[in-house]
C-alpha atoms as a PDB file:
ATOM      1  CA  UNK A   1       3.955  50.019 -16.658  1.00  0.00           C
ATOM      2  CA  UNK A   2       6.320  47.477 -15.068  1.00  0.00           C
ATOM      3  CA  UNK A   3       4.151  47.530 -11.938  1.00  0.00           C
ATOM      4  CA  UNK A   4       1.100  46.601 -14.010  1.00  0.00           C
ATOM      5  CA  UNK A   5       2.959  43.686 -15.680  1.00  0.00           C
ATOM      6  CA  UNK A   6       4.034  42.384 -12.278  1.00  0.00           C
ATOM      7  CA  UNK A   7       0.450  42.501 -11.006  1.00  0.00           C
ATOM      8  CA  UNK A   8      -0.728  40.551 -14.036  1.00  0.00           C
ATOM      9  CA  UNK A   9       1.893  37.823 -13.449  1.00  0.00           C
ATOM     10  CA  UNK A  10       1.396  37.673  -9.666  1.00  0.00           C
ATOM     11  CA  UNK A  11      -1.231  34.874  -9.727  1.00  0.00           C
ATOM     12  CA  UNK A  12       1.052  32.706 -11.889  1.00  0.00           C
ATOM     13  CA  UNK A  13       4.034  33.374  -9.623  1.00  0.00           C
ATOM     14  CA  UNK A  14       2.041  32.485  -6.513  1.00  0.00           C
ATOM     15  CA  UNK A  15       0.570  29.380  -8.142  1.00  0.00           C
ATOM     16  CA  UNK A  16       4.041  28.276  -9.268  1.00  0.00           C
ATOM     17  CA  UNK A  17       5.360  28.749  -5.735  1.00  0.00           C
ATOM     18  CA  UNK A  18       2.493  26.703  -4.311  1.00  0.00           C
ATOM     19  CA  UNK A  19       3.074  23.929  -6.846  1.00  0.00           C
ATOM     20  CA  UNK A  20       6.806  23.801  -6.083  1.00  0.00           C
ATOM     21  CA  UNK A  21       6.097  23.738  -2.324  1.00  0.00           C
ATOM     22  CA  UNK A  22       3.478  21.020  -2.722  1.00  0.00           C
ATOM     23  CA  UNK A  23       5.860  18.951  -4.867  1.00  0.00           C
ATOM     24  CA  UNK A  24       8.545  19.307  -2.183  1.00  0.00           C
ATOM     25  CA  UNK A  25       6.215  18.114   0.572  1.00  0.00           C
ATOM     26  CA  UNK A  26       5.004  15.182  -1.557  1.00  0.00           C
ATOM     27  CA  UNK A  27       8.601  14.240  -2.322  1.00  0.00           C
ATOM     28  CA  UNK A  28       9.512  14.320   1.363  1.00  0.00           C
ATOM     29  CA  UNK A  29       6.529  12.121   2.234  1.00  0.00           C
ATOM     30  CA  UNK A  30       7.399   9.685  -0.550  1.00  0.00           C
ATOM     31  CA  UNK A  31      11.047   9.354   0.467  1.00  0.00           C
ATOM     32  CA  UNK A  32      10.044   8.850   4.115  1.00  0.00           C
ATOM     33  CA  UNK A  33       7.608   6.125   3.043  1.00  0.00           C
ATOM     34  CA  UNK A  34      10.332   4.425   0.990  1.00  0.00           C
ATOM     35  CA  UNK A  35      12.734   4.512   3.932  1.00  0.00           C
ATOM     36  CA  UNK A  36      10.162   2.990   6.268  1.00  0.00           C
ATOM     37  CA  UNK A  37       9.174   0.354   3.707  1.00  0.00           C
ATOM     38  CA  UNK A  38      12.763  -0.735   3.073  1.00  0.00           C
ATOM     39  CA  UNK A  39      13.870  -0.679   6.714  1.00  0.00           C
ATOM     40  CA  UNK A  40      16.171   2.344   6.673  1.00  0.00           C
ATOM     41  CA  UNK A  41      16.337   4.389   9.870  1.00  0.00           C
ATOM     42  CA  UNK A  42      14.504   7.684   9.898  1.00  0.00           C
ATOM     43  CA  UNK A  43      16.469  10.882  10.449  1.00  0.00           C
ATOM     44  CA  UNK A  44      15.841  13.961  12.539  1.00  0.00           C
ATOM     45  CA  UNK A  45      16.155  17.490  11.183  1.00  0.00           C
ATOM     46  CA  UNK A  46      19.955  17.412  11.643  1.00  0.00           C
ATOM     47  CA  UNK A  47      20.439  14.211   9.661  1.00  0.00           C
ATOM     48  CA  UNK A  48      21.068  11.944  12.624  1.00  0.00           C
ATOM     49  CA  UNK A  49      19.264   8.575  12.523  1.00  0.00           C
ATOM     50  CA  UNK A  50      16.391   8.056  14.934  1.00  0.00           C
ATOM     51  CA  UNK A  51      16.471   4.730  16.744  1.00  0.00           C
ATOM     52  CA  UNK A  52      13.741   3.395  19.015  1.00  0.00           C
ATOM     53  CA  UNK A  53      14.376   3.643  22.730  1.00  0.00           C
ATOM     54  CA  UNK A  54      15.549   0.415  24.351  1.00  0.00           C
ATOM     55  CA  UNK A  55      14.644  -0.487  27.872  1.00  0.00           C
ATOM     56  CA  UNK A  56      13.986  -3.605  29.930  1.00  0.00           C
ATOM     57  CA  UNK A  57      10.391  -3.868  28.732  1.00  0.00           C
ATOM     58  CA  UNK A  58      11.301  -3.852  25.041  1.00  0.00           C
ATOM     59  CA  UNK A  59      14.158  -6.297  25.631  1.00  0.00           C
ATOM     60  CA  UNK A  60      11.766  -8.675  27.403  1.00  0.00           C
ATOM     61  CA  UNK A  61       9.220  -8.298  24.608  1.00  0.00           C
ATOM     62  CA  UNK A  62      11.867  -9.111  21.997  1.00  0.00           C
ATOM     63  CA  UNK A  63      12.932 -12.168  23.987  1.00  0.00           C
ATOM     64  CA  UNK A  64       9.337 -13.431  24.260  1.00  0.00           C
ATOM     65  CA  UNK A  65       8.683 -12.836  20.573  1.00  0.00           C
ATOM     66  CA  UNK A  66      11.901 -14.657  19.659  1.00  0.00           C
ATOM     67  CA  UNK A  67      10.860 -17.675  21.746  1.00  0.00           C
ATOM     68  CA  UNK A  68       7.373 -17.654  20.244  1.00  0.00           C
ATOM     69  CA  UNK A  69       8.867 -17.398  16.764  1.00  0.00           C
ATOM     70  CA  UNK A  70      11.077 -20.444  17.407  1.00  0.00           C
ATOM     71  CA  UNK A  71       8.092 -22.439  18.720  1.00  0.00           C
ATOM     72  CA  UNK A  72       5.965 -21.508  15.708  1.00  0.00           C
ATOM     73  CA  UNK A  73       8.753 -22.434  13.294  1.00  0.00           C
ATOM     74  CA  UNK A  74       9.091 -25.843  14.975  1.00  0.00           C
ATOM     75  CA  UNK A  75       5.333 -26.358  14.803  1.00  0.00           C
ATOM     76  CA  UNK A  76       5.258 -25.410  11.127  1.00  0.00           C
ATOM     77  CA  UNK A  77       8.074 -27.865  10.464  1.00  0.00           C
ATOM     78  CA  UNK A  78       6.133 -30.696  12.093  1.00  0.00           C
ATOM     79  CA  UNK A  79       2.973 -29.743  10.189  1.00  0.00           C
ATOM     80  CA  UNK A  80       4.934 -29.795   6.923  1.00  0.00           C
ATOM     81  CA  UNK A  81       6.247 -33.272   7.750  1.00  0.00           C
ATOM     82  CA  UNK A  82       2.739 -34.515   8.515  1.00  0.00           C
ATOM     83  CA  UNK A  83       1.379 -32.990   5.333  1.00  0.00           C
ATOM     84  CA  UNK A  84       4.126 -34.616   3.265  1.00  0.00           C
ATOM     85  CA  UNK A  85       3.293 -37.981   4.836  1.00  0.00           C
ATOM     86  CA  UNK A  86      -0.411 -37.536   4.146  1.00  0.00           C
ATOM     87  CA  UNK A  87       0.268 -36.497   0.545  1.00  0.00           C
ATOM     88  CA  UNK A  88       2.490 -39.553   0.072  1.00  0.00           C
ATOM     89  CA  UNK A  89      -0.183 -41.851   1.511  1.00  0.00           C
ATOM     90  CA  UNK A  90      -2.951 -40.329  -0.583  1.00  0.00           C
ATOM     91  CA  UNK A  91      -1.076 -40.230  -3.870  1.00  0.00           C
ATOM     92  CA  UNK A  92       0.818 -43.525  -3.472  1.00  0.00           C
ATOM     93  CA  UNK A  93      -2.279 -45.388  -2.329  1.00  0.00           C
ATOM     94  CA  UNK A  94      -4.300 -44.438  -5.390  1.00  0.00           C
ATOM     95  CA  UNK A  95      -1.433 -45.228  -7.752  1.00  0.00           C
ATOM     96  CA  UNK A  96      -0.766 -48.565  -6.090  1.00  0.00           C
ATOM     97  CA  UNK A  97      -4.474 -49.418  -6.195  1.00  0.00           C
ATOM     98  CA  UNK A  98      -4.580 -48.683  -9.930  1.00  0.00           C
ATOM     99  CA  UNK A  99      -1.548 -50.938 -10.495  1.00  0.00           C
ATOM    100  CA  UNK A 100      -3.131 -53.774  -8.508  1.00  0.00           C
ATOM    101  CA  UNK A 101      -6.391 -53.491 -10.448  1.00  0.00           C
ATOM    102  CA  UNK A 102      -4.522 -53.534 -13.758  1.00  0.00           C
ATOM    103  CA  UNK A 103      -2.510 -56.616 -12.731  1.00  0.00           C
ATOM    104  CA  UNK A 104      -5.730 -58.427 -11.729  1.00  0.00           C
ATOM    105  CA  UNK A 105      -7.303 -57.655 -15.103  1.00  0.00           C
ATOM    106  CA  UNK A 106      -4.416 -59.309 -16.826  1.00  0.00           C
ATOM    107  CA  UNK A 107      -2.916 -58.425 -20.188  1.00  0.00           C
ATOM    108  CA  UNK A 108      -4.898 -56.170 -22.494  1.00  0.00           C
ATOM    109  CA  UNK A 109      -7.178 -58.036 -24.900  1.00  0.00           C
END
């Protein structure tokens, strides 16, 4: 009798085990994604953080990217200055032109 009850519940027990296992895998994937997204180091199976290997090639690449980043920031700064000057010319010129036209028309009738 107990054997028959166990056989009837076996599909539910197996399905529950599969659901719990699937939830565990999804949770692991989600936490790994969150760590990558927020910049935390990944860990190996023993809990030690995994860091990328550093060698001369990666150091040179970092140096080149740092130089390029500085050049691009300087270029963006100069473009911002030019854009501010152009905006000032465009907006001030139209406003000044309106004032000059109004002064030529004289007082309102």
